[in-house]
Amino acid sequence: MFSTFFSNLGCEVGSYCSEIKVNISSLKLPDREKVYNVEELTVCPKEQLLFFDIEVQAYDVSAGRSLAYNAFLEFVSFLAVLLDIGFKPFQTEENLLLLDQHVYADNYKFYSTVGSKGFDDTELNILVYDNLNGLIAVDANGQLIKNEYISITVPESSNGISVVTRAKYNEKLENIFKKRAIEDVKKSYPSQKIDKELCFYNSSPSILTSHIKFFRKIKVFEANEKEKYLYFLHACKMYNLALTVCSNEPTMLIAYLISSLDILSKTEKSCEYLKEGKSDMDKFLLFSKQYWDDKDFDKKFFQYLYGNIRSGHFHSGEFKFFEYNLTLSQSFNMSFFEIQQEYYIRAKKEIRKIFINWIEKNVLPYGDKTL
């Protein structure tokens, strides 16, 4: 899920590994391409629903869905870094909704109500509220067939708890997934490098040849560099969490991005240049400078990011971007714009460039004869 328009989609990323294949497609919605417009009251950044069609080898559908779900989480962690877009699993919520009913001409009636977040998967003929209990099949008679995986934790007594779990076989859902055949999508992609720029609400990111190459290379990298691969994967998870869980918390977002770079630096913990660092901050600075692509490396800026924002937030609970000192009339708050531009936007840009530089030097050329 993310708040931007994804163009050039409907693609096969290919064999993510020898046992897993992934296709990506998007839910088609009217006027989805309309982007953020501050002049229209009811128009705001939107979520986009993507389908990740994943094929795995498993002994039954339940095991297959488990493998596919875990593969999805790993896959989107990488994709979040490649596109600078946060991805999260679809989960049902009870949302407050404002519904409008057209009366005549430009006249509408408005109703406030509560509705469940979900969608109709017309291709598989199932209703989806989440990926667990929220899958509902429809039989030939129009009856709804629920998926039932229940896990309840309740107090057993003052000294302990009791966990109750139950699973019910759902033949209709089993057959839908078992008989599902993943299609081969043949498509050409723009031949471009990974974009190092930030993705904004009015951006139109695309799958590129460099992304396809990345997913081919990353499995080779994993097979030969298991420890480095795990550090890299963990760094990507943190990057994705920064863009999703922390999307509305700027201090947390920057702190998580800095932590993602800190974790990525552990892929080179045996390198000589990192051994010069006496502290975690020193090693972070040395790593950042190693993958900085400009002549002048602003050491003081990166010290501030690590010491004041990351450590200040995690160790002292500090918030650097006015989260608890809000001014609704931001047009008169020049300090907000100065800090936003000098620290928030700049930090996101520079961390992303270092991250992508590492990928370009360590993953994309991996296995080439020139490496």
Protein backbone atom coordinates (compact mmCIF):
# COMPACT_ATOMS: atom_id res chain seq x y z
CA MET A 1 0.00 0.00 0.00
CA PHE A 2 1.33 3.43 -0.80
CA SER A 3 0.24 6.97 -1.47
CA THR A 4 1.31 7.64 -5.02
CA PHE A 5 0.35 6.65 -8.52
CA PHE A 6 2.22 3.63 -9.85
CA SER A 7 2.55 3.77 -13.61
CA ASN A 8 3.88 1.25 -16.11
CA LEU A 9 2.61 -1.61 -13.99
CA GLY A 10 1.39 -5.10 -14.79
CA CYS A 11 4.72 -6.80 -14.82
CA GLU A 12 6.60 -9.99 -14.15
CA VAL A 13 9.56 -9.41 -11.88
CA GLY A 14 10.55 -12.94 -12.71
CA SER A 15 11.89 -15.84 -10.74
CA TYR A 16 12.71 -14.30 -7.40
CA CYS A 17 14.47 -17.56 -6.62
CA SER A 18 14.31 -21.04 -8.12
CA GLU A 19 11.12 -21.91 -6.18
CA ILE A 20 9.32 -18.54 -6.10
CA LYS A 21 7.89 -16.51 -8.96
CA VAL A 22 6.29 -13.09 -8.55
CA ASN A 23 3.94 -11.08 -10.75
CA ILE A 24 2.72 -7.60 -9.81
CA SER A 25 -0.49 -5.96 -10.96
CA SER A 26 -2.57 -3.09 -9.65
CA LEU A 27 -6.23 -2.75 -8.78
CA LYS A 28 -7.88 -0.64 -11.46
CA LEU A 29 -9.78 2.29 -9.99
CA PRO A 30 -11.45 5.20 -11.79
CA ASP A 31 -9.48 8.45 -11.64
CA ARG A 32 -6.69 6.74 -9.70
CA GLU A 33 -4.12 8.87 -11.53
CA LYS A 34 -5.40 12.11 -10.01
CA VAL A 35 -2.74 13.29 -7.60
CA TYR A 36 -2.69 15.53 -4.56
CA ASN A 37 -4.37 18.87 -5.18
CA VAL A 38 -4.34 21.35 -2.31
CA GLU A 39 -7.06 23.43 -3.97
CA GLU A 40 -9.65 20.64 -3.69
CA LEU A 41 -10.84 19.98 -0.17
CA THR A 42 -11.70 16.31 -0.58
CA VAL A 43 -8.70 15.26 -2.66
CA CYS A 44 -5.72 13.89 -0.72
CA PRO A 45 -2.83 11.44 -1.14
CA LYS A 46 -4.25 8.02 -1.95
CA GLU A 47 -3.37 4.45 -1.23
CA GLN A 48 -2.80 2.11 -4.16
CA LEU A 49 -3.64 -1.56 -3.94
CA LEU A 50 -1.20 -3.93 -5.61
CA PHE A 51 -1.62 -7.65 -6.19
CA PHE A 52 1.51 -9.76 -5.71
CA ASP A 53 0.85 -13.03 -7.47
CA ILE A 54 3.34 -15.48 -5.94
CA GLU A 55 3.92 -19.07 -6.99
CA VAL A 56 5.62 -21.43 -4.53
CA GLN A 57 6.15 -25.17 -4.11
CA ALA A 58 4.37 -26.54 -1.01
CA TYR A 59 2.66 -29.71 0.25
CA ASP A 60 -0.70 -27.98 0.81
CA VAL A 61 -2.35 -24.60 0.30
CA SER A 62 -1.96 -23.50 3.92
CA ALA A 63 1.79 -24.10 3.80
CA GLY A 64 1.92 -22.46 0.38
CA ARG A 65 0.14 -19.34 1.60
CA SER A 66 2.55 -19.13 4.52
CA LEU A 67 5.55 -19.36 2.20
CA ALA A 68 4.00 -16.84 -0.18
CA TYR A 69 3.24 -14.38 2.61
CA ASN A 70 6.79 -14.51 3.96
CA ALA A 71 8.17 -14.18 0.42
CA PHE A 72 5.93 -11.13 -0.07
CA LEU A 73 7.29 -9.44 3.07
CA GLU A 74 10.86 -10.02 1.93
CA PHE A 75 10.16 -9.00 -1.65
CA VAL A 76 8.46 -5.69 -0.80
CA SER A 77 11.28 -4.80 1.61
CA PHE A 78 13.61 -4.78 -1.37
CA LEU A 79 11.07 -3.06 -3.62
CA ALA A 80 10.57 -0.27 -1.07
CA VAL A 81 14.25 0.64 -1.36
CA LEU A 82 14.32 0.40 -5.14
CA LEU A 83 11.30 2.70 -5.54
CA ASP A 84 11.40 4.75 -2.31
CA ILE A 85 7.82 3.67 -1.65
CA GLY A 86 6.49 2.02 1.49
CA PHE A 87 4.59 -1.26 1.17
CA LYS A 88 2.48 -2.94 3.83
CA PRO A 89 0.12 -5.95 3.85
CA PHE A 90 -3.56 -5.24 3.36
CA GLN A 91 -5.38 -5.32 6.69
CA THR A 92 -9.00 -4.74 7.48
CA GLU A 93 -10.01 -1.72 9.53
CA GLU A 94 -13.26 -0.18 10.65
CA ASN A 95 -13.00 3.26 9.10
CA LEU A 96 -15.05 6.40 9.54
CA LEU A 97 -16.49 7.21 6.13
CA LEU A 98 -18.17 10.21 4.57
CA LEU A 99 -20.51 9.06 1.81
CA ASP A 100 -22.04 11.37 -0.74
CA GLN A 101 -25.31 10.77 -2.58
CA HIS A 102 -26.02 12.72 -5.74
CA VAL A 103 -29.43 14.38 -5.62
CA TYR A 104 -29.48 16.56 -8.75
CA ALA A 105 -27.15 18.93 -10.64
CA ASP A 106 -24.43 19.92 -8.17
CA ASN A 107 -26.44 19.00 -5.08
CA TYR A 108 -25.39 16.13 -2.81
CA LYS A 109 -26.43 14.62 0.50
CA PHE A 110 -23.67 13.52 2.86
CA TYR A 111 -23.76 10.68 5.36
CA SER A 112 -21.24 9.79 8.07
CA THR A 113 -20.92 6.07 8.70
CA VAL A 114 -18.50 3.27 9.59
CA GLY A 115 -17.32 0.77 6.99
CA SER A 116 -14.89 -2.11 6.77
CA LYS A 117 -11.84 -1.66 4.62
CA GLY A 118 -11.83 -4.34 1.94
CA PHE A 119 -12.09 -5.04 -1.76
CA ASP A 120 -13.65 -7.42 -4.25
CA ASP A 121 -11.11 -9.58 -6.07
CA THR A 122 -13.13 -10.17 -9.23
CA GLU A 123 -10.40 -12.32 -10.79
CA LEU A 124 -10.45 -14.93 -8.01
CA ASN A 125 -14.07 -14.21 -7.04
CA ILE A 126 -13.28 -13.66 -3.39
CA LEU A 127 -13.88 -10.80 -0.96
CA VAL A 128 -10.74 -9.67 0.81
CA TYR A 129 -10.58 -7.93 4.18
CA ASP A 130 -7.14 -9.24 5.10
CA ASN A 131 -4.91 -12.19 4.21
CA LEU A 132 -5.99 -14.42 7.12
CA ASN A 133 -9.61 -14.64 8.30
CA GLY A 134 -10.69 -11.93 5.92
CA LEU A 135 -10.75 -14.11 2.79
CA ILE A 136 -14.33 -14.94 1.84
CA ALA A 137 -15.22 -17.16 -1.10
CA VAL A 138 -18.61 -17.26 -2.83
CA ASP A 139 -20.05 -20.63 -3.85
CA ALA A 140 -22.33 -21.38 -6.81
CA ASN A 141 -25.41 -20.52 -4.73
CA GLY A 142 -24.06 -17.15 -3.71
CA GLN A 143 -23.29 -18.28 -0.16
CA LEU A 144 -20.32 -16.70 1.61
CA ILE A 145 -17.68 -19.17 2.75
CA LYS A 146 -15.38 -17.74 5.40
CA ASN A 147 -11.80 -18.67 6.06
CA GLU A 148 -11.33 -19.68 9.69
CA TYR A 149 -7.95 -19.49 11.36
CA ILE A 150 -8.54 -18.46 14.95
CA SER A 151 -5.96 -17.62 17.61
CA ILE A 152 -7.24 -16.18 20.89
CA THR A 153 -5.21 -15.35 23.98
CA VAL A 154 -7.21 -15.11 27.21
CA PRO A 155 -6.33 -15.02 30.92
CA GLU A 156 -6.58 -18.53 32.31
CA SER A 157 -6.13 -17.40 35.88
CA SER A 158 -4.29 -14.75 37.84
CA ASN A 159 -1.10 -16.71 37.23
CA GLY A 160 -1.22 -17.50 33.54
CA ILE A 161 -2.81 -17.23 30.11
CA SER A 162 -4.41 -19.65 27.72
CA VAL A 163 -3.96 -19.63 23.96
CA VAL A 164 -6.72 -21.16 21.86
CA THR A 165 -6.10 -21.87 18.17
CA ARG A 166 -8.30 -23.47 15.56
CA ALA A 167 -8.11 -24.02 11.82
CA LYS A 168 -10.95 -25.14 9.59
CA TYR A 169 -10.48 -26.70 6.16
CA ASN A 170 -12.01 -24.52 3.46
CA GLU A 171 -12.31 -26.55 0.28
CA LYS A 172 -13.51 -23.64 -1.84
CA LEU A 173 -10.55 -21.41 -0.95
CA GLU A 174 -8.15 -24.33 -1.18
CA ASN A 175 -9.23 -25.04 -4.76
CA ILE A 176 -9.08 -21.36 -5.76
CA PHE A 177 -5.42 -21.12 -4.78
CA LYS A 178 -4.45 -24.66 -5.77
CA LYS A 179 -5.79 -24.30 -9.30
CA ARG A 180 -4.43 -20.79 -9.74
CA ALA A 181 -1.94 -20.69 -12.61
CA ILE A 182 0.45 -17.77 -12.66
CA GLU A 183 0.73 -16.11 -16.05
CA ASP A 184 3.91 -15.19 -17.85
CA VAL A 185 3.93 -11.46 -18.49
CA LYS A 186 6.17 -10.35 -21.31
CA LYS A 187 6.90 -6.68 -21.21
CA SER A 188 9.73 -4.31 -21.95
CA TYR A 189 10.86 -1.82 -19.32
CA PRO A 190 12.64 1.53 -19.48
CA SER A 191 16.38 1.00 -19.55
CA GLN A 192 17.36 3.23 -16.66
CA LYS A 193 19.38 3.11 -13.48
CA ILE A 194 17.73 2.95 -10.07
CA ASP A 195 16.35 6.40 -9.31
CA LYS A 196 18.20 7.98 -6.39
CA GLU A 197 15.66 10.77 -6.04
CA LEU A 198 12.84 10.73 -3.49
CA CYS A 199 9.35 9.65 -4.45
CA PHE A 200 6.63 12.24 -3.79
CA TYR A 201 2.83 12.18 -4.07
CA ASN A 202 2.89 13.42 -7.66
CA SER A 203 5.65 11.03 -8.77
CA SER A 204 4.99 8.24 -11.26
CA PRO A 205 7.48 5.46 -10.47
CA SER A 206 7.98 2.61 -12.92
CA ILE A 207 9.56 -0.80 -12.98
CA LEU A 208 12.94 -0.42 -14.70
CA THR A 209 15.47 -2.80 -16.20
CA SER A 210 17.73 -2.10 -13.22
CA HIS A 211 15.02 -3.43 -10.88
CA ILE A 212 14.72 -6.65 -12.88
CA LYS A 213 18.48 -7.03 -12.80
CA PHE A 214 18.50 -6.46 -9.04
CA PHE A 215 16.10 -9.35 -8.34
CA ARG A 216 18.14 -11.64 -10.56
CA LYS A 217 21.36 -10.69 -8.83
CA ILE A 218 20.12 -10.66 -5.24
CA LYS A 219 19.53 -14.41 -5.13
CA VAL A 220 23.05 -15.05 -6.40
CA PHE A 221 24.29 -12.61 -3.79
CA GLU A 222 22.33 -14.47 -1.10
CA ALA A 223 23.71 -17.86 -2.12
CA ASN A 224 27.31 -16.67 -1.88
CA GLU A 225 27.14 -13.93 0.79
CA LYS A 226 24.65 -15.23 3.32
CA GLU A 227 25.67 -13.00 6.23
CA LYS A 228 25.90 -9.85 4.10
CA TYR A 229 22.57 -10.70 2.51
CA LEU A 230 20.86 -10.92 5.90
CA TYR A 231 22.26 -7.56 7.00
CA PHE A 232 21.12 -6.05 3.69
CA LEU A 233 17.64 -7.59 4.04
CA HIS A 234 17.31 -6.27 7.59
CA ALA A 235 18.36 -2.82 6.42
CA CYS A 236 15.69 -2.92 3.70
CA LYS A 237 13.05 -3.94 6.24
CA MET A 238 13.92 -0.91 8.34
CA TYR A 239 13.76 1.31 5.25
CA ASN A 240 10.28 0.00 4.43
CA LEU A 241 9.10 0.42 8.03
CA ALA A 242 10.32 4.02 7.95
CA LEU A 243 8.12 4.72 4.92
CA THR A 244 5.04 2.90 6.26
CA VAL A 245 4.79 2.65 10.05
CA CYS A 246 6.63 5.95 10.54
CA SER A 247 5.20 7.79 7.54
CA ASN A 248 3.39 10.36 9.68
CA GLU A 249 6.12 10.62 12.32
CA PRO A 250 9.06 12.55 10.78
CA THR A 251 11.53 12.06 13.65
CA MET A 252 10.82 8.31 13.75
CA LEU A 253 11.05 8.12 9.96
CA ILE A 254 14.50 9.71 9.85
CA ALA A 255 15.66 7.66 12.86
CA TYR A 256 14.62 4.44 11.13
CA LEU A 257 16.28 5.47 7.87
CA ILE A 258 19.52 6.22 9.73
CA SER A 259 19.23 2.83 11.45
CA SER A 260 18.75 1.14 8.08
CA LEU A 261 22.03 2.66 6.91
CA ASP A 262 23.67 1.70 10.19
CA ILE A 263 22.60 -1.93 9.65
CA LEU A 264 23.78 -1.82 6.04
CA SER A 265 27.23 -0.76 7.24
CA LYS A 266 27.54 -4.13 9.01
CA THR A 267 27.89 -5.79 5.60
CA GLU A 268 31.41 -4.31 5.55
CA LYS A 269 32.37 -4.82 9.20
CA SER A 270 35.46 -6.78 8.14
CA CYS A 271 36.68 -4.07 5.75
CA GLU A 272 39.85 -2.26 6.76
CA TYR A 273 38.42 1.25 6.47
CA LEU A 274 35.71 0.48 9.08
CA LYS A 275 38.26 -0.81 11.58
CA GLU A 276 39.39 2.77 12.05
CA GLY A 277 36.12 3.53 13.81
CA LYS A 278 36.18 3.31 17.59
CA SER A 279 32.44 3.78 18.12
CA ASP A 280 29.22 2.92 16.32
CA MET A 281 28.91 6.53 15.19
CA ASP A 282 32.47 6.50 13.83
CA LYS A 283 31.71 3.39 11.77
CA PHE A 284 28.46 4.92 10.53
CA LEU A 285 30.35 8.03 9.40
CA LEU A 286 33.11 6.02 7.72
CA PHE A 287 30.58 3.87 5.87
CA SER A 288 28.52 6.89 4.76
CA LYS A 289 31.64 8.64 3.48
CA GLN A 290 32.74 5.47 1.64
CA TYR A 291 29.54 5.50 -0.42
CA TRP A 292 29.16 9.25 -0.75
CA ASP A 293 29.20 10.22 -4.43
CA ASP A 294 30.26 13.86 -4.06
CA LYS A 295 33.66 15.32 -3.28
CA ASP A 296 32.68 17.05 -0.06
CA PHE A 297 31.30 14.85 2.71
CA ASP A 298 29.50 16.86 5.40
CA LYS A 299 30.68 14.99 8.48
CA LYS A 300 28.95 17.34 10.92
CA PHE A 301 25.59 16.81 9.22
CA PHE A 302 25.85 13.02 9.48
CA GLN A 303 27.03 13.32 13.08
CA TYR A 304 23.89 15.31 13.80
CA LEU A 305 21.71 12.71 12.11
CA TYR A 306 23.20 9.85 14.09
CA GLY A 307 23.71 11.57 17.44
CA ASN A 308 20.86 14.05 17.69
CA ILE A 309 18.06 12.54 15.64
CA ARG A 310 18.62 8.76 15.84
CA SER A 311 20.14 8.50 19.31
CA GLY A 312 18.20 11.47 20.63
CA HIS A 313 14.94 9.78 19.64
CA PHE A 314 15.71 6.17 20.61
CA HIS A 315 17.55 6.93 23.85
CA SER A 316 15.96 10.16 25.07
CA GLY A 317 12.55 10.24 23.38
CA GLU A 318 13.30 13.47 21.54
CA PHE A 319 11.23 14.69 18.58
CA LYS A 320 13.01 17.13 16.28
CA PHE A 321 10.30 18.14 13.80
CA PHE A 322 7.67 19.96 15.89
CA GLU A 323 5.53 16.84 16.46
CA TYR A 324 4.69 18.03 19.98
CA ASN A 325 4.97 21.75 19.28
CA LEU A 326 2.48 22.10 16.46
CA THR A 327 1.61 25.33 14.68
CA LEU A 328 -1.42 24.96 12.41
CA SER A 329 -0.59 28.14 10.48
CA GLN A 330 2.70 26.83 9.08
CA SER A 331 2.90 29.67 6.58
CA PHE A 332 4.06 31.90 9.46
CA ASN A 333 6.44 29.33 10.95
CA MET A 334 9.70 29.86 9.08
CA SER A 335 11.58 27.56 11.47
CA PHE A 336 9.42 24.67 10.27
CA PHE A 337 10.38 25.19 6.63
CA GLU A 338 14.05 25.67 7.46
CA ILE A 339 14.25 22.47 9.49
CA GLN A 340 12.15 20.56 6.97
CA GLN A 341 14.46 21.50 4.10
CA GLU A 342 17.80 21.44 5.94
CA TYR A 343 17.33 18.25 7.92
CA TYR A 344 14.22 16.25 6.99
CA ILE A 345 14.30 16.39 3.18
CA ARG A 346 18.09 16.53 3.01
CA ALA A 347 18.46 13.54 5.35
CA LYS A 348 16.06 11.44 3.25
CA LYS A 349 17.85 12.36 0.03
CA GLU A 350 21.37 11.71 1.26
CA ILE A 351 20.57 8.46 3.06
CA ARG A 352 18.82 7.18 -0.08
CA LYS A 353 21.78 8.06 -2.32
CA ILE A 354 24.21 6.20 -0.06
CA PHE A 355 21.89 3.18 0.09
CA ILE A 356 21.50 2.99 -3.69
CA ASN A 357 25.22 3.57 -4.23
CA TRP A 358 25.88 0.51 -2.07
CA ILE A 359 23.44 -1.56 -4.17
CA GLU A 360 25.03 -0.40 -7.42
CA LYS A 361 28.52 -1.33 -6.23
CA ASN A 362 27.74 -4.56 -4.39
CA VAL A 363 24.60 -6.23 -5.78
CA LEU A 364 24.07 -5.20 -9.40
CA PRO A 365 27.58 -6.19 -10.58
CA TYR A 366 27.67 -9.33 -8.42
CA GLY A 367 28.86 -12.36 -10.35
CA ASP A 368 30.10 -10.34 -13.31
CA LYS A 369 33.53 -11.23 -14.58
CA THR A 370 34.71 -7.69 -13.91
CA LEU A 371 33.78 -7.88 -10.22
